[in-house]
Amino acid sequence: MADAIAVLENGRIIEYGIHDTLLKLDGTYAKLYRMQTESYLESPYRKA
């Protein structure tokens, strides 16, 4: 597990923190995390 996560945009840190905090901010990290999670849930290879 990571100690901290840095979210970069155009070479600049726009968000920084731990997973739970970044999700609560509901910013770029949360958006990307939701997109990735949803893609797993919609995958035809997912075991039911």
C-alpha atoms as a PDB file:
ATOM      1  CA  MET A   1       0.000   0.000   0.000  1.00  0.00           C
ATOM      2  CA  ALA A   2       1.192   3.505  -0.783  1.00  0.00           C
ATOM      3  CA  ASP A   3       2.088   6.001   1.935  1.00  0.00           C
ATOM      4  CA  ALA A   4       0.708   8.804  -0.228  1.00  0.00           C
ATOM      5  CA  ILE A   5      -0.626   9.332  -3.735  1.00  0.00           C
ATOM      6  CA  ALA A   6       0.165  12.311  -5.945  1.00  0.00           C
ATOM      7  CA  VAL A   7      -2.211  13.160  -8.784  1.00  0.00           C
ATOM      8  CA  LEU A   8      -0.493  15.026 -11.598  1.00  0.00           C
ATOM      9  CA  GLU A   9      -1.989  17.196 -14.312  1.00  0.00           C
ATOM     10  CA  ASN A  10       0.163  18.969 -16.864  1.00  0.00           C
ATOM     11  CA  GLY A  11       3.246  18.173 -14.771  1.00  0.00           C
ATOM     12  CA  ARG A  12       1.839  19.694 -11.574  1.00  0.00           C
ATOM     13  CA  ILE A  13       0.548  18.025  -8.435  1.00  0.00           C
ATOM     14  CA  ILE A  14      -3.151  18.798  -8.209  1.00  0.00           C
ATOM     15  CA  GLU A  15      -4.062  16.377  -5.405  1.00  0.00           C
ATOM     16  CA  TYR A  16      -1.961  14.653  -2.775  1.00  0.00           C
ATOM     17  CA  GLY A  17      -2.888  12.353   0.072  1.00  0.00           C
ATOM     18  CA  ILE A  18      -3.950   8.858   1.021  1.00  0.00           C
ATOM     19  CA  HIS A  19      -6.596   6.877  -0.852  1.00  0.00           C
ATOM     20  CA  ASP A  20      -9.501   7.536   1.544  1.00  0.00           C
ATOM     21  CA  THR A  21      -8.815  11.265   1.737  1.00  0.00           C
ATOM     22  CA  LEU A  22      -8.566  11.603  -2.034  1.00  0.00           C
ATOM     23  CA  LEU A  23     -11.869   9.782  -2.485  1.00  0.00           C
ATOM     24  CA  LYS A  24     -13.541  12.145  -0.003  1.00  0.00           C
ATOM     25  CA  LEU A  25     -12.242  15.153  -1.964  1.00  0.00           C
ATOM     26  CA  ASP A  26     -14.233  13.811  -4.941  1.00  0.00           C
ATOM     27  CA  GLY A  27     -11.745  15.281  -7.386  1.00  0.00           C
ATOM     28  CA  THR A  28      -9.676  13.866 -10.207  1.00  0.00           C
ATOM     29  CA  TYR A  29      -8.413  10.867  -8.245  1.00  0.00           C
ATOM     30  CA  ALA A  30     -11.939   9.879  -7.234  1.00  0.00           C
ATOM     31  CA  LYS A  31     -13.171  10.238 -10.821  1.00  0.00           C
ATOM     32  CA  LEU A  32     -10.367   8.058 -12.189  1.00  0.00           C
ATOM     33  CA  TYR A  33     -10.831   5.499  -9.409  1.00  0.00           C
ATOM     34  CA  ARG A  34     -14.560   5.220 -10.142  1.00  0.00           C
ATOM     35  CA  MET A  35     -13.902   4.841 -13.867  1.00  0.00           C
ATOM     36  CA  GLN A  36     -11.453   2.011 -13.231  1.00  0.00           C
ATOM     37  CA  THR A  37     -13.711   0.287 -10.700  1.00  0.00           C
ATOM     38  CA  GLU A  38     -16.725   0.481 -13.013  1.00  0.00           C
ATOM     39  CA  SER A  39     -14.730  -1.033 -15.865  1.00  0.00           C
ATOM     40  CA  TYR A  40     -13.961  -4.053 -13.666  1.00  0.00           C
ATOM     41  CA  LEU A  41     -17.607  -4.452 -12.734  1.00  0.00           C
ATOM     42  CA  GLU A  42     -18.687  -4.308 -16.381  1.00  0.00           C
ATOM     43  CA  SER A  43     -15.980  -6.695 -17.616  1.00  0.00           C
ATOM     44  CA  PRO A  44     -17.253  -9.831 -19.372  1.00  0.00           C
ATOM     45  CA  TYR A  45     -14.403 -11.718 -17.641  1.00  0.00           C
ATOM     46  CA  ARG A  46     -15.656 -10.847 -14.147  1.00  0.00           C
ATOM     47  CA  LYS A  47     -16.673 -13.850 -12.094  1.00  0.00           C
ATOM     48  CA  ALA A  48     -20.218 -13.578 -10.789  1.00  0.00           C
END
